Structure formats: C-alpha cells, structure tokens
Amino acid sequence: MELTTSLTSGNVNAYVTIDGLKSGTKYNVTVRAVVGTTESLDDVTVQCITDMDNPTFLACTSATYSSFAISWTRPNAPLLGYTANLTLVDAIASRNRTVTTTNAAPQNETLVFYDAAADKEYRVALVANGLYSDSFPVEVTCATLTPPPEDFQVVTATETSVQVSWRKQSTDSLAIGYRVWITRRDTGKSVVTRYVPTSSTDVTFNDLSPAVEYVISATSINRHSEGLEVAITADTKTDPPNALGVDDWTTDMISISWIPPKAVLTAYNITYTGDGRGTSTQKSGDVDRCELTGLVPGTRYDIGVVAVSRLGRSITVSTAAVTGK
C-alpha cells in the first residue's frame, strides 16, 4: 500500500492515517520525502503494531454437575492461543478465588472446564494471546447444574391425589425454584406441571384418576439453567363402588346392585355373612349387579363389595338385607 500526503506551507508536521489493516499485526511504515518530481534517497522506516481485538459473543453453552462449556467468536488478529482464568464466585466477594487457568489452541472457539463443583457459579475471563500483545479480557459467568430435590418421595396417595415431598435446599444453593410434573405411565401424557419456590418442600397433585400408575418428576432451576430430573412412581388407590343397595329378595336370594367406580377393574369380591356362616364370590369387573343365592330364609345378611383393579383393592362398601320367611 502506498499513500501520498502534502505538506502545507508553514507546517512542519505531516499526518497520515492508514486504514484497512489487520489487528494485532506488525507493519513496517516507510516515509520518503518528495520535492517536485524528486524523491529523497534516505527513507525513514518505523515499525507499528495494531491493537489486538477481543473475542466476541462469549457465552455459556452447556453444563453438567461437574463441568460446563463456553463458546466465542475468534478475533481477526493472528493468534498464539487463548488463556482462560476460572474464578469461583462466592456470595462474599472476598472469598472469590481463581481456581484454574486453562489454555486453548488458536483455532478453538469452544472450551470445556472439567472437575468443577456442582451447584456453583464460575466467572470466566478469556484473553486472546496475539503475536505481539494480548487482548483485553472478556468475561462471562456460568454455573454447573443444581442437583434435583433430595429425598424425593411419595408421602400420601388417595384415589384422586398424590403428595410428594423432598428435603429443603441448602442455603448456599444456586436454586431459585423447582419444576415438578406428573405424567400417566400408561400413556406418557403429562397431566400438570407446577413451579414452586425453594421455600416449598412438598406439592400435591389433585383431580387424578383412580387406580392409575403415575410418574412424578422434579428438577432444580438456577439462574443459568435447569438441572437433570429425578423421578418416582406412585399409584392412586382404587375407588370403591357407589350406591350399593338391595334391589330384590326372596326366601333364599338377595339381589344387589351398585354404581361402578371410575377405576378400570379386573373383578369384584363380594362377601355375605348370615346365620353364622360367611361366603364369598367373585364377579367380573364389568358388571354392576349380583344375585346371592342359596340363602337361609328369614336371615339377616351383611354384604360387602370390594372393587379390584390391577393396582389394588378398594375399601369395602357394605349393606344388609333380610331374606323372606
């Protein structure tokens, strides 16, 4: 590149700006005086080094419990590599300390930090190392994943609800809340998702279906990311028949009926006791009535019906009737 500048009368200094150069690069600049059409024989040469440009778009890209990664866009300058200083960020600033210094090759635009502590924040200061100087540091704060709620367990289960609980999060955790959701295991369909603060240690899911196996999952959320999930299973209880009643009776027969429960049933267990004798019978889960035969005339019978599903038995519903004489 060759540039020409003029020296005005009475001015002893000349200035020229050379554009379009590459950052972090050494240039030899030669100056030659020109008078009319005659050029000086003695050149003056000076070496100039352009400033380094910085890495751009520095960001956290992924994290595990013991590692995290960063990415950036490389500078335009010729590079020898990168230096990254990793500082553990503490709530008390005086405790912040550099825990490691890592180098990366000049062609890299990503870097993974291993052997980090779970549920901690780290500040990364990235410097591009040029041939003649280094860039200014650019910084980003990243975090490892926060573990899911501890001691995650089912507390109670009814026909239509499940309550789960967990241990209270430690005070130095990065967690700002939890995501807890429940899914039907048979269909994989999500039923409902709850977001709860770290002050909570339990959640109850209502309006569930009886005799269904559910999967309840939970994650911890910090300011940077959502952690991996922990999951447990819970079975809602089998609901009992409703409105059990006596439809008819004779001297040796009692006819009963009921409103079927909502659960998907495999059978009904029916017991009836009278005249000091107990008898039981089983009926298909898709019926809603039964005739009890071979009874003793003029005898009171206590009758109990239990709904049976794949996941358990309901409580017993009862009624009583007296055979005719």
C-alpha atoms as a PDB file:
ATOM      1  CA  MET A   1       0.000   0.000   0.000  1.00  0.00           C
ATOM      2  CA  GLU A   2       1.294   3.496  -0.863  1.00  0.00           C
ATOM      3  CA  LEU A   3      -0.194   6.753   0.331  1.00  0.00           C
ATOM      4  CA  THR A   4       0.759  10.352  -0.555  1.00  0.00           C
ATOM      5  CA  THR A   5       0.210  13.342   1.677  1.00  0.00           C
ATOM      6  CA  SER A   6       1.048  17.020   1.179  1.00  0.00           C
ATOM      7  CA  LEU A   7       2.807  19.428   3.494  1.00  0.00           C
ATOM      8  CA  THR A   8       1.194  22.841   3.555  1.00  0.00           C
ATOM      9  CA  SER A   9       3.238  25.993   3.694  1.00  0.00           C
ATOM     10  CA  GLY A  10       4.442  26.878   7.178  1.00  0.00           C
ATOM     11  CA  ASN A  11       3.526  23.451   8.624  1.00  0.00           C
ATOM     12  CA  VAL A  12       6.420  21.278   9.713  1.00  0.00           C
ATOM     13  CA  ASN A  13       4.342  18.173  10.529  1.00  0.00           C
ATOM     14  CA  ALA A  14       2.528  15.804   8.205  1.00  0.00           C
ATOM     15  CA  TYR A  15      -0.078  13.263   9.295  1.00  0.00           C
ATOM     16  CA  VAL A  16      -1.469  10.239   7.527  1.00  0.00           C
ATOM     17  CA  THR A  17      -3.960   7.577   8.577  1.00  0.00           C
ATOM     18  CA  ILE A  18      -3.552   4.100   7.144  1.00  0.00           C
ATOM     19  CA  ASP A  19      -6.830   2.143   7.122  1.00  0.00           C
ATOM     20  CA  GLY A  20      -7.772  -1.440   6.289  1.00  0.00           C
ATOM     21  CA  LEU A  21      -5.070  -3.073   8.415  1.00  0.00           C
ATOM     22  CA  LYS A  22      -5.327  -6.290  10.385  1.00  0.00           C
ATOM     23  CA  SER A  23      -5.484  -6.164  14.171  1.00  0.00           C
ATOM     24  CA  GLY A  24      -2.594  -7.439  16.276  1.00  0.00           C
ATOM     25  CA  THR A  25      -0.185  -7.242  13.365  1.00  0.00           C
ATOM     26  CA  LYS A  26       3.239  -5.597  12.924  1.00  0.00           C
ATOM     27  CA  TYR A  27       3.698  -3.290   9.946  1.00  0.00           C
ATOM     28  CA  ASN A  28       6.816  -1.550   8.567  1.00  0.00           C
ATOM     29  CA  VAL A  29       5.924   2.007   7.553  1.00  0.00           C
ATOM     30  CA  THR A  30       8.401   3.734   5.239  1.00  0.00           C
ATOM     31  CA  VAL A  31       8.325   7.516   4.763  1.00  0.00           C
ATOM     32  CA  ARG A  32      10.014   9.231   1.779  1.00  0.00           C
ATOM     33  CA  ALA A  33      10.137  12.949   1.088  1.00  0.00           C
ATOM     34  CA  VAL A  34       9.122  14.207  -2.353  1.00  0.00           C
ATOM     35  CA  VAL A  35      10.067  17.623  -3.739  1.00  0.00           C
ATOM     36  CA  GLY A  36       8.550  18.299  -7.116  1.00  0.00           C
ATOM     37  CA  THR A  37       9.391  15.207  -9.092  1.00  0.00           C
ATOM     38  CA  THR A  38      12.415  14.324  -6.988  1.00  0.00           C
ATOM     39  CA  GLU A  39      12.249  11.737  -4.174  1.00  0.00           C
ATOM     40  CA  SER A  40      14.678  11.680  -1.268  1.00  0.00           C
ATOM     41  CA  LEU A  41      17.241   8.924  -1.200  1.00  0.00           C
ATOM     42  CA  ASP A  42      17.068   8.397   2.545  1.00  0.00           C
ATOM     43  CA  ASP A  43      13.931   6.579   3.664  1.00  0.00           C
ATOM     44  CA  VAL A  44      12.697   6.618   7.261  1.00  0.00           C
ATOM     45  CA  THR A  45      11.136   3.358   8.433  1.00  0.00           C
ATOM     46  CA  VAL A  46       9.161   2.807  11.605  1.00  0.00           C
ATOM     47  CA  GLN A  47       7.502  -0.348  12.930  1.00  0.00           C
ATOM     48  CA  CYS A  48       3.883  -0.094  14.056  1.00  0.00           C
ATOM     49  CA  ILE A  49       1.755  -2.752  15.751  1.00  0.00           C
ATOM     50  CA  THR A  50      -2.032  -2.513  15.556  1.00  0.00           C
ATOM     51  CA  ASP A  51      -4.068  -3.156  18.681  1.00  0.00           C
ATOM     52  CA  MET A  52      -5.500  -6.593  19.412  1.00  0.00           C
ATOM     53  CA  ASP A  53      -9.246  -7.039  19.001  1.00  0.00           C
ATOM     54  CA  ASN A  54     -11.148  -9.084  21.602  1.00  0.00           C
ATOM     55  CA  PRO A  55     -13.039 -12.367  21.328  1.00  0.00           C
ATOM     56  CA  THR A  56     -16.744 -11.600  20.831  1.00  0.00           C
ATOM     57  CA  PHE A  57     -20.060 -13.272  21.654  1.00  0.00           C
ATOM     58  CA  LEU A  58     -18.634 -15.074  24.688  1.00  0.00           C
ATOM     59  CA  ALA A  59     -21.396 -17.277  26.150  1.00  0.00           C
ATOM     60  CA  CYS A  60     -22.072 -20.314  28.322  1.00  0.00           C
ATOM     61  CA  THR A  61     -23.267 -23.181  26.124  1.00  0.00           C
ATOM     62  CA  SER A  62     -23.800 -26.298  28.250  1.00  0.00           C
ATOM     63  CA  ALA A  63     -23.332 -27.639  31.760  1.00  0.00           C
ATOM     64  CA  THR A  64     -23.305 -30.821  33.829  1.00  0.00           C
ATOM     65  CA  TYR A  65     -22.891 -31.328  37.567  1.00  0.00           C
ATOM     66  CA  SER A  66     -19.096 -31.273  37.208  1.00  0.00           C
ATOM     67  CA  SER A  67     -18.361 -29.324  34.018  1.00  0.00           C
ATOM     68  CA  PHE A  68     -19.501 -26.501  31.784  1.00  0.00           C
ATOM     69  CA  ALA A  69     -18.590 -25.142  28.357  1.00  0.00           C
ATOM     70  CA  ILE A  70     -18.170 -21.724  26.764  1.00  0.00           C
ATOM     71  CA  SER A  71     -18.046 -20.534  23.168  1.00  0.00           C
ATOM     72  CA  TRP A  72     -16.953 -17.347  21.419  1.00  0.00           C
ATOM     73  CA  THR A  73     -16.149 -15.838  18.053  1.00  0.00           C
ATOM     74  CA  ARG A  74     -12.425 -15.540  17.447  1.00  0.00           C
ATOM     75  CA  PRO A  75     -10.684 -12.185  16.875  1.00  0.00           C
ATOM     76  CA  ASN A  76      -9.344 -11.196  13.488  1.00  0.00           C
ATOM     77  CA  ALA A  77      -5.763 -10.912  14.759  1.00  0.00           C
ATOM     78  CA  PRO A  78      -3.152 -13.654  14.253  1.00  0.00           C
ATOM     79  CA  LEU A  79      -3.219 -15.732  17.444  1.00  0.00           C
ATOM     80  CA  LEU A  80      -0.929 -17.884  19.521  1.00  0.00           C
ATOM     81  CA  GLY A  81      -3.886 -19.170  21.536  1.00  0.00           C
ATOM     82  CA  TYR A  82      -6.165 -18.271  24.432  1.00  0.00           C
ATOM     83  CA  THR A  83      -5.844 -18.079  28.190  1.00  0.00           C
ATOM     84  CA  ALA A  84      -8.944 -18.563  30.353  1.00  0.00           C
ATOM     85  CA  ASN A  85      -8.941 -17.781  34.072  1.00  0.00           C
ATOM     86  CA  LEU A  86     -11.677 -19.526  36.057  1.00  0.00           C
ATOM     87  CA  THR A  87     -12.820 -17.900  39.305  1.00  0.00           C
ATOM     88  CA  LEU A  88     -15.186 -19.491  41.804  1.00  0.00           C
ATOM     89  CA  VAL A  89     -17.852 -16.919  42.638  1.00  0.00           C
ATOM     90  CA  ASP A  90     -18.844 -16.748  46.297  1.00  0.00           C
ATOM     91  CA  ALA A  91     -21.655 -14.756  47.862  1.00  0.00           C
ATOM     92  CA  ILE A  92     -18.945 -12.988  49.862  1.00  0.00           C
ATOM     93  CA  ALA A  93     -16.761 -11.205  47.300  1.00  0.00           C
ATOM     94  CA  SER A  94     -13.597 -11.568  49.379  1.00  0.00           C
ATOM     95  CA  ARG A  95     -13.865 -15.346  49.022  1.00  0.00           C
ATOM     96  CA  ASN A  96     -13.825 -15.263  45.221  1.00  0.00           C
ATOM     97  CA  ARG A  97     -10.701 -17.003  44.041  1.00  0.00           C
ATOM     98  CA  THR A  98      -9.130 -18.140  40.797  1.00  0.00           C
ATOM     99  CA  VAL A  99      -9.298 -21.907  40.767  1.00  0.00           C
ATOM    100  CA  THR A 100      -7.689 -22.729  37.447  1.00  0.00           C
ATOM    101  CA  THR A 101      -6.057 -21.271  34.345  1.00  0.00           C
ATOM    102  CA  THR A 102      -6.650 -23.111  31.087  1.00  0.00           C
ATOM    103  CA  ASN A 103      -5.086 -22.595  27.666  1.00  0.00           C
ATOM    104  CA  ALA A 104      -6.710 -23.230  24.307  1.00  0.00           C
ATOM    105  CA  ALA A 105      -5.313 -23.540  20.797  1.00  0.00           C
ATOM    106  CA  PRO A 106      -5.670 -20.576  18.396  1.00  0.00           C
ATOM    107  CA  GLN A 107      -8.187 -22.386  16.187  1.00  0.00           C
ATOM    108  CA  ASN A 108     -10.534 -23.083  19.106  1.00  0.00           C
ATOM    109  CA  GLU A 109     -13.837 -21.280  19.610  1.00  0.00           C
ATOM    110  CA  THR A 110     -15.080 -23.531  22.421  1.00  0.00           C
ATOM    111  CA  LEU A 111     -13.664 -24.634  25.744  1.00  0.00           C
ATOM    112  CA  VAL A 112     -14.878 -27.125  28.372  1.00  0.00           C
ATOM    113  CA  PHE A 113     -13.982 -26.803  32.044  1.00  0.00           C
ATOM    114  CA  TYR A 114     -13.913 -30.117  33.901  1.00  0.00           C
ATOM    115  CA  ASP A 115     -13.685 -31.044  37.600  1.00  0.00           C
ATOM    116  CA  ALA A 116     -15.961 -28.187  38.631  1.00  0.00           C
ATOM    117  CA  ALA A 117     -18.130 -28.358  41.746  1.00  0.00           C
ATOM    118  CA  ALA A 118     -21.869 -28.954  41.381  1.00  0.00           C
ATOM    119  CA  ASP A 119     -24.282 -26.095  42.001  1.00  0.00           C
ATOM    120  CA  LYS A 120     -21.601 -23.366  41.820  1.00  0.00           C
ATOM    121  CA  GLU A 121     -21.095 -20.192  39.815  1.00  0.00           C
ATOM    122  CA  TYR A 122     -17.840 -19.522  37.984  1.00  0.00           C
ATOM    123  CA  ARG A 123     -16.597 -16.375  36.270  1.00  0.00           C
ATOM    124  CA  VAL A 124     -14.551 -16.964  33.126  1.00  0.00           C
ATOM    125  CA  ALA A 125     -12.128 -14.293  31.908  1.00  0.00           C
ATOM    126  CA  LEU A 126     -10.976 -15.111  28.365  1.00  0.00           C
ATOM    127  CA  VAL A 127      -7.915 -13.460  26.839  1.00  0.00           C
ATOM    128  CA  ALA A 128      -6.751 -13.873  23.235  1.00  0.00           C
ATOM    129  CA  ASN A 129      -2.965 -14.212  23.048  1.00  0.00           C
ATOM    130  CA  GLY A 130      -1.652 -12.419  19.951  1.00  0.00           C
ATOM    131  CA  LEU A 131       1.776 -12.459  18.337  1.00  0.00           C
ATOM    132  CA  TYR A 132       2.734  -9.128  19.882  1.00  0.00           C
ATOM    133  CA  SER A 133       0.206  -8.466  22.651  1.00  0.00           C
ATOM    134  CA  ASP A 134      -2.867  -9.858  24.352  1.00  0.00           C
ATOM    135  CA  SER A 135      -6.446  -8.700  24.067  1.00  0.00           C
ATOM    136  CA  PHE A 136      -8.382  -7.240  26.927  1.00  0.00           C
ATOM    137  CA  PRO A 137     -10.156  -9.939  28.951  1.00  0.00           C
ATOM    138  CA  VAL A 138     -13.817 -10.607  28.186  1.00  0.00           C
ATOM    139  CA  GLU A 139     -15.905 -12.181  30.939  1.00  0.00           C
ATOM    140  CA  VAL A 140     -18.970 -14.365  31.376  1.00  0.00           C
ATOM    141  CA  THR A 141     -20.488 -16.017  34.453  1.00  0.00           C
ATOM    142  CA  CYS A 142     -21.553 -19.648  34.136  1.00  0.00           C
ATOM    143  CA  ALA A 143     -22.801 -22.277  36.548  1.00  0.00           C
ATOM    144  CA  THR A 144     -22.803 -26.029  36.937  1.00  0.00           C
ATOM    145  CA  LEU A 145     -26.165 -27.758  37.258  1.00  0.00           C
ATOM    146  CA  THR A 146     -28.033 -27.777  40.549  1.00  0.00           C
ATOM    147  CA  PRO A 147     -28.887 -31.355  41.637  1.00  0.00           C
ATOM    148  CA  PRO A 148     -32.583 -32.280  41.772  1.00  0.00           C
ATOM    149  CA  PRO A 149     -34.510 -32.205  45.057  1.00  0.00           C
ATOM    150  CA  GLU A 150     -33.080 -34.675  47.577  1.00  0.00           C
ATOM    151  CA  ASP A 151     -35.105 -37.406  49.318  1.00  0.00           C
ATOM    152  CA  PHE A 152     -37.821 -37.052  46.693  1.00  0.00           C
ATOM    153  CA  GLN A 153     -40.603 -39.402  47.798  1.00  0.00           C
ATOM    154  CA  VAL A 154     -44.330 -40.099  47.840  1.00  0.00           C
ATOM    155  CA  VAL A 155     -45.948 -39.031  51.096  1.00  0.00           C
ATOM    156  CA  THR A 156     -49.598 -39.994  50.548  1.00  0.00           C
ATOM    157  CA  ALA A 157     -51.790 -41.269  47.742  1.00  0.00           C
ATOM    158  CA  THR A 158     -55.570 -41.370  47.590  1.00  0.00           C
ATOM    159  CA  GLU A 159     -57.992 -42.305  44.822  1.00  0.00           C
ATOM    160  CA  THR A 160     -57.585 -38.870  43.210  1.00  0.00           C
ATOM    161  CA  SER A 161     -54.429 -37.265  44.627  1.00  0.00           C
ATOM    162  CA  VAL A 162     -50.716 -37.814  45.222  1.00  0.00           C
ATOM    163  CA  GLN A 163     -48.498 -35.795  47.554  1.00  0.00           C
ATOM    164  CA  VAL A 164     -44.701 -35.789  47.154  1.00  0.00           C
ATOM    165  CA  SER A 165     -42.048 -34.196  49.351  1.00  0.00           C
ATOM    166  CA  TRP A 166     -38.306 -33.512  49.387  1.00  0.00           C
ATOM    167  CA  ARG A 167     -35.593 -32.145  51.630  1.00  0.00           C
ATOM    168  CA  LYS A 168     -35.207 -28.380  51.977  1.00  0.00           C
ATOM    169  CA  GLN A 169     -32.473 -26.954  49.754  1.00  0.00           C
ATOM    170  CA  SER A 170     -29.220 -25.855  51.405  1.00  0.00           C
ATOM    171  CA  THR A 171     -28.822 -22.119  51.975  1.00  0.00           C
ATOM    172  CA  ASP A 172     -25.796 -21.795  49.669  1.00  0.00           C
ATOM    173  CA  SER A 173     -27.505 -23.468  46.707  1.00  0.00           C
ATOM    174  CA  LEU A 174     -27.991 -21.568  43.453  1.00  0.00           C
ATOM    175  CA  ALA A 175     -31.530 -22.937  43.137  1.00  0.00           C
ATOM    176  CA  ILE A 176     -34.305 -20.374  42.751  1.00  0.00           C
ATOM    177  CA  GLY A 177     -37.140 -22.880  42.349  1.00  0.00           C
ATOM    178  CA  TYR A 178     -38.300 -26.336  41.301  1.00  0.00           C
ATOM    179  CA  ARG A 179     -40.275 -27.726  38.400  1.00  0.00           C
ATOM    180  CA  VAL A 180     -42.423 -30.684  39.438  1.00  0.00           C
ATOM    181  CA  TRP A 181     -44.690 -32.502  36.983  1.00  0.00           C
ATOM    182  CA  ILE A 182     -46.818 -35.639  36.857  1.00  0.00           C
ATOM    183  CA  THR A 183     -47.338 -37.983  33.892  1.00  0.00           C
ATOM    184  CA  ARG A 184     -49.513 -41.023  33.287  1.00  0.00           C
ATOM    185  CA  ARG A 185     -47.209 -44.005  32.890  1.00  0.00           C
ATOM    186  CA  ASP A 186     -49.546 -45.908  30.584  1.00  0.00           C
ATOM    187  CA  THR A 187     -49.879 -43.127  28.013  1.00  0.00           C
ATOM    188  CA  GLY A 188     -46.871 -40.899  28.737  1.00  0.00           C
ATOM    189  CA  LYS A 189     -49.224 -37.911  28.709  1.00  0.00           C
ATOM    190  CA  SER A 190     -48.281 -35.048  31.004  1.00  0.00           C
ATOM    191  CA  VAL A 191     -51.105 -34.168  33.391  1.00  0.00           C
ATOM    192  CA  VAL A 192     -49.910 -30.974  35.067  1.00  0.00           C
ATOM    193  CA  THR A 193     -46.673 -29.080  35.809  1.00  0.00           C
ATOM    194  CA  ARG A 194     -46.049 -26.998  38.923  1.00  0.00           C
ATOM    195  CA  TYR A 195     -43.348 -24.386  39.503  1.00  0.00           C
ATOM    196  CA  VAL A 196     -42.656 -23.912  43.206  1.00  0.00           C
ATOM    197  CA  PRO A 197     -40.160 -21.747  45.143  1.00  0.00           C
ATOM    198  CA  THR A 198     -37.255 -23.198  47.105  1.00  0.00           C
ATOM    199  CA  SER A 199     -39.133 -22.447  50.319  1.00  0.00           C
ATOM    200  CA  SER A 200     -41.529 -25.286  49.440  1.00  0.00           C
ATOM    201  CA  THR A 201     -40.766 -28.890  50.352  1.00  0.00           C
ATOM    202  CA  ASP A 202     -43.871 -30.641  49.027  1.00  0.00           C
ATOM    203  CA  VAL A 203     -46.550 -30.460  46.365  1.00  0.00           C
ATOM    204  CA  THR A 204     -49.920 -32.198  45.964  1.00  0.00           C
ATOM    205  CA  PHE A 205     -51.452 -33.188  42.634  1.00  0.00           C
ATOM    206  CA  ASN A 206     -55.253 -33.386  42.722  1.00  0.00           C
ATOM    207  CA  ASP A 207     -58.005 -34.421  40.291  1.00  0.00           C
ATOM    208  CA  LEU A 208     -56.183 -37.599  39.265  1.00  0.00           C
ATOM    209  CA  SER A 209     -57.771 -40.819  38.040  1.00  0.00           C
ATOM    210  CA  PRO A 210     -58.164 -43.776  40.426  1.00  0.00           C
ATOM    211  CA  ALA A 211     -56.084 -46.936  40.002  1.00  0.00           C
ATOM    212  CA  VAL A 212     -53.575 -45.330  37.641  1.00  0.00           C
ATOM    213  CA  GLU A 213     -49.789 -45.505  37.819  1.00  0.00           C
ATOM    214  CA  TYR A 214     -48.210 -42.061  37.606  1.00  0.00           C
ATOM    215  CA  VAL A 215     -44.613 -40.875  37.210  1.00  0.00           C
ATOM    216  CA  ILE A 216     -43.725 -37.748  39.197  1.00  0.00           C
ATOM    217  CA  SER A 217     -40.573 -35.891  38.125  1.00  0.00           C
ATOM    218  CA  ALA A 218     -38.723 -32.891  39.521  1.00  0.00           C
ATOM    219  CA  THR A 219     -35.806 -30.637  38.592  1.00  0.00           C
ATOM    220  CA  SER A 220     -33.999 -27.766  40.282  1.00  0.00           C
ATOM    221  CA  ILE A 221     -33.753 -24.440  38.451  1.00  0.00           C
ATOM    222  CA  ASN A 222     -30.996 -21.878  38.985  1.00  0.00           C
ATOM    223  CA  ARG A 223     -30.445 -18.515  37.261  1.00  0.00           C
ATOM    224  CA  HIS A 224     -28.467 -20.155  34.470  1.00  0.00           C
ATOM    225  CA  SER A 225     -30.128 -23.471  33.663  1.00  0.00           C
ATOM    226  CA  GLU A 226     -32.434 -26.284  34.671  1.00  0.00           C
ATOM    227  CA  GLY A 227     -30.866 -29.419  36.124  1.00  0.00           C
ATOM    228  CA  LEU A 228     -31.473 -33.077  35.409  1.00  0.00           C
ATOM    229  CA  GLU A 229     -34.658 -34.699  36.668  1.00  0.00           C
ATOM    230  CA  VAL A 230     -35.361 -37.189  39.420  1.00  0.00           C
ATOM    231  CA  ALA A 231     -38.446 -39.404  39.031  1.00  0.00           C
ATOM    232  CA  ILE A 232     -40.567 -41.699  41.191  1.00  0.00           C
ATOM    233  CA  THR A 233     -43.760 -43.685  40.571  1.00  0.00           C
ATOM    234  CA  ALA A 234     -46.999 -43.517  42.514  1.00  0.00           C
ATOM    235  CA  ASP A 235     -50.264 -45.450  42.220  1.00  0.00           C
ATOM    236  CA  THR A 236     -53.566 -43.831  43.015  1.00  0.00           C
ATOM    237  CA  LYS A 237     -55.855 -46.037  45.056  1.00  0.00           C
ATOM    238  CA  THR A 238     -58.793 -47.955  43.616  1.00  0.00           C
ATOM    239  CA  ASP A 239     -62.076 -46.178  44.301  1.00  0.00           C
ATOM    240  CA  PRO A 240     -64.985 -48.233  45.716  1.00  0.00           C
ATOM    241  CA  PRO A 241     -68.421 -48.850  44.178  1.00  0.00           C
ATOM    242  CA  ASN A 242     -71.099 -46.273  44.951  1.00  0.00           C
ATOM    243  CA  ALA A 243     -74.737 -46.513  45.987  1.00  0.00           C
ATOM    244  CA  LEU A 244     -74.627 -50.197  46.927  1.00  0.00           C
ATOM    245  CA  GLY A 245     -78.235 -51.264  47.502  1.00  0.00           C
ATOM    246  CA  VAL A 246     -80.667 -54.172  47.589  1.00  0.00           C
ATOM    247  CA  ASP A 247     -82.938 -54.458  44.538  1.00  0.00           C
ATOM    248  CA  ASP A 248     -84.944 -57.556  45.442  1.00  0.00           C
ATOM    249  CA  TRP A 249     -85.059 -60.533  47.785  1.00  0.00           C
ATOM    250  CA  THR A 250     -86.852 -63.861  48.273  1.00  0.00           C
ATOM    251  CA  THR A 251     -86.662 -66.575  50.901  1.00  0.00           C
ATOM    252  CA  ASP A 252     -83.299 -67.777  49.560  1.00  0.00           C
ATOM    253  CA  MET A 253     -81.998 -64.948  47.335  1.00  0.00           C
ATOM    254  CA  ILE A 254     -80.888 -61.331  47.611  1.00  0.00           C
ATOM    255  CA  SER A 255     -80.240 -59.192  44.530  1.00  0.00           C
ATOM    256  CA  ILE A 256     -77.818 -56.244  44.894  1.00  0.00           C
ATOM    257  CA  SER A 257     -76.559 -53.531  42.527  1.00  0.00           C
ATOM    258  CA  TRP A 258     -74.158 -50.586  42.616  1.00  0.00           C
ATOM    259  CA  ILE A 259     -72.704 -47.750  40.581  1.00  0.00           C
ATOM    260  CA  PRO A 260     -69.299 -48.832  39.228  1.00  0.00           C
ATOM    261  CA  PRO A 261     -66.197 -46.881  40.323  1.00  0.00           C
ATOM    262  CA  LYS A 262     -64.099 -44.833  37.873  1.00  0.00           C
ATOM    263  CA  ALA A 263     -61.134 -47.219  38.079  1.00  0.00           C
ATOM    264  CA  VAL A 264     -60.531 -49.846  35.430  1.00  0.00           C
ATOM    265  CA  LEU A 265     -61.380 -53.053  37.288  1.00  0.00           C
ATOM    266  CA  THR A 266     -60.435 -56.680  36.958  1.00  0.00           C
ATOM    267  CA  ALA A 267     -63.047 -58.065  39.403  1.00  0.00           C
ATOM    268  CA  TYR A 268     -65.404 -57.512  42.332  1.00  0.00           C
ATOM    269  CA  ASN A 269     -65.004 -59.507  45.540  1.00  0.00           C
ATOM    270  CA  ILE A 270     -68.367 -59.934  47.258  1.00  0.00           C
ATOM    271  CA  THR A 271     -68.782 -61.357  50.742  1.00  0.00           C
ATOM    272  CA  TYR A 272     -72.007 -62.028  52.634  1.00  0.00           C
ATOM    273  CA  THR A 273     -72.417 -63.315  56.172  1.00  0.00           C
ATOM    274  CA  GLY A 274     -75.572 -64.643  57.823  1.00  0.00           C
ATOM    275  CA  ASP A 275     -76.724 -67.424  60.167  1.00  0.00           C
ATOM    276  CA  GLY A 276     -73.142 -67.664  61.430  1.00  0.00           C
ATOM    277  CA  ARG A 277     -71.715 -68.528  58.025  1.00  0.00           C
ATOM    278  CA  GLY A 278     -69.572 -66.419  55.693  1.00  0.00           C
ATOM    279  CA  THR A 279     -69.483 -66.839  51.927  1.00  0.00           C
ATOM    280  CA  SER A 280     -67.546 -65.047  49.197  1.00  0.00           C
ATOM    281  CA  THR A 281     -67.823 -64.875  45.460  1.00  0.00           C
ATOM    282  CA  GLN A 282     -66.052 -63.046  42.662  1.00  0.00           C
ATOM    283  CA  LYS A 283     -67.636 -61.280  39.721  1.00  0.00           C
ATOM    284  CA  SER A 284     -66.218 -59.733  36.579  1.00  0.00           C
ATOM    285  CA  GLY A 285     -65.087 -56.143  36.797  1.00  0.00           C
ATOM    286  CA  ASP A 286     -67.539 -55.016  34.115  1.00  0.00           C
ATOM    287  CA  VAL A 287     -70.803 -55.902  35.981  1.00  0.00           C
ATOM    288  CA  ASP A 288     -72.866 -53.718  38.288  1.00  0.00           C
ATOM    289  CA  ARG A 289     -75.171 -56.252  39.993  1.00  0.00           C
ATOM    290  CA  CYS A 290     -75.166 -59.688  41.571  1.00  0.00           C
ATOM    291  CA  GLU A 291     -77.661 -62.259  42.900  1.00  0.00           C
ATOM    292  CA  LEU A 292     -76.731 -64.031  46.130  1.00  0.00           C
ATOM    293  CA  THR A 293     -78.444 -67.424  46.145  1.00  0.00           C
ATOM    294  CA  GLY A 294     -78.785 -70.458  48.417  1.00  0.00           C
ATOM    295  CA  LEU A 295     -79.577 -68.300  51.440  1.00  0.00           C
ATOM    296  CA  VAL A 296     -81.423 -69.197  54.640  1.00  0.00           C
ATOM    297  CA  PRO A 297     -84.980 -67.838  54.906  1.00  0.00           C
ATOM    298  CA  GLY A 298     -85.692 -65.113  57.436  1.00  0.00           C
ATOM    299  CA  THR A 299     -81.991 -64.369  57.968  1.00  0.00           C
ATOM    300  CA  ARG A 300     -80.102 -61.078  58.049  1.00  0.00           C
ATOM    301  CA  TYR A 301     -77.128 -60.945  55.724  1.00  0.00           C
ATOM    302  CA  ASP A 302     -74.295 -58.408  55.957  1.00  0.00           C
ATOM    303  CA  ILE A 303     -72.985 -57.823  52.451  1.00  0.00           C
ATOM    304  CA  GLY A 304     -69.658 -56.269  51.433  1.00  0.00           C
ATOM    305  CA  VAL A 305     -68.379 -55.389  47.949  1.00  0.00           C
ATOM    306  CA  VAL A 306     -64.740 -54.642  47.111  1.00  0.00           C
ATOM    307  CA  ALA A 307     -63.560 -53.328  43.709  1.00  0.00           C
ATOM    308  CA  VAL A 308     -60.320 -54.918  42.490  1.00  0.00           C
ATOM    309  CA  SER A 309     -58.009 -53.301  39.940  1.00  0.00           C
ATOM    310  CA  ARG A 310     -54.580 -54.185  38.604  1.00  0.00           C
ATOM    311  CA  LEU A 311     -53.073 -51.856  41.203  1.00  0.00           C
ATOM    312  CA  GLY A 312     -55.005 -52.878  44.312  1.00  0.00           C
ATOM    313  CA  ARG A 313     -58.295 -53.167  46.139  1.00  0.00           C
ATOM    314  CA  SER A 314     -60.785 -50.521  47.190  1.00  0.00           C
ATOM    315  CA  ILE A 315     -62.225 -50.151  50.638  1.00  0.00           C
ATOM    316  CA  THR A 316     -65.285 -52.303  51.355  1.00  0.00           C
ATOM    317  CA  VAL A 317     -68.746 -50.829  50.881  1.00  0.00           C
ATOM    318  CA  SER A 318     -71.469 -52.556  52.864  1.00  0.00           C
ATOM    319  CA  THR A 319     -75.198 -53.042  53.085  1.00  0.00           C
ATOM    320  CA  ALA A 320     -77.549 -55.503  54.799  1.00  0.00           C
ATOM    321  CA  ALA A 321     -80.736 -57.317  53.860  1.00  0.00           C
ATOM    322  CA  VAL A 322     -83.077 -59.947  55.352  1.00  0.00           C
ATOM    323  CA  THR A 323     -84.381 -62.860  53.306  1.00  0.00           C
ATOM    324  CA  GLY A 324     -88.119 -63.529  53.241  1.00  0.00           C
ATOM    325  CA  LYS A 325     -89.728 -66.137  55.517  1.00  0.00           C
END
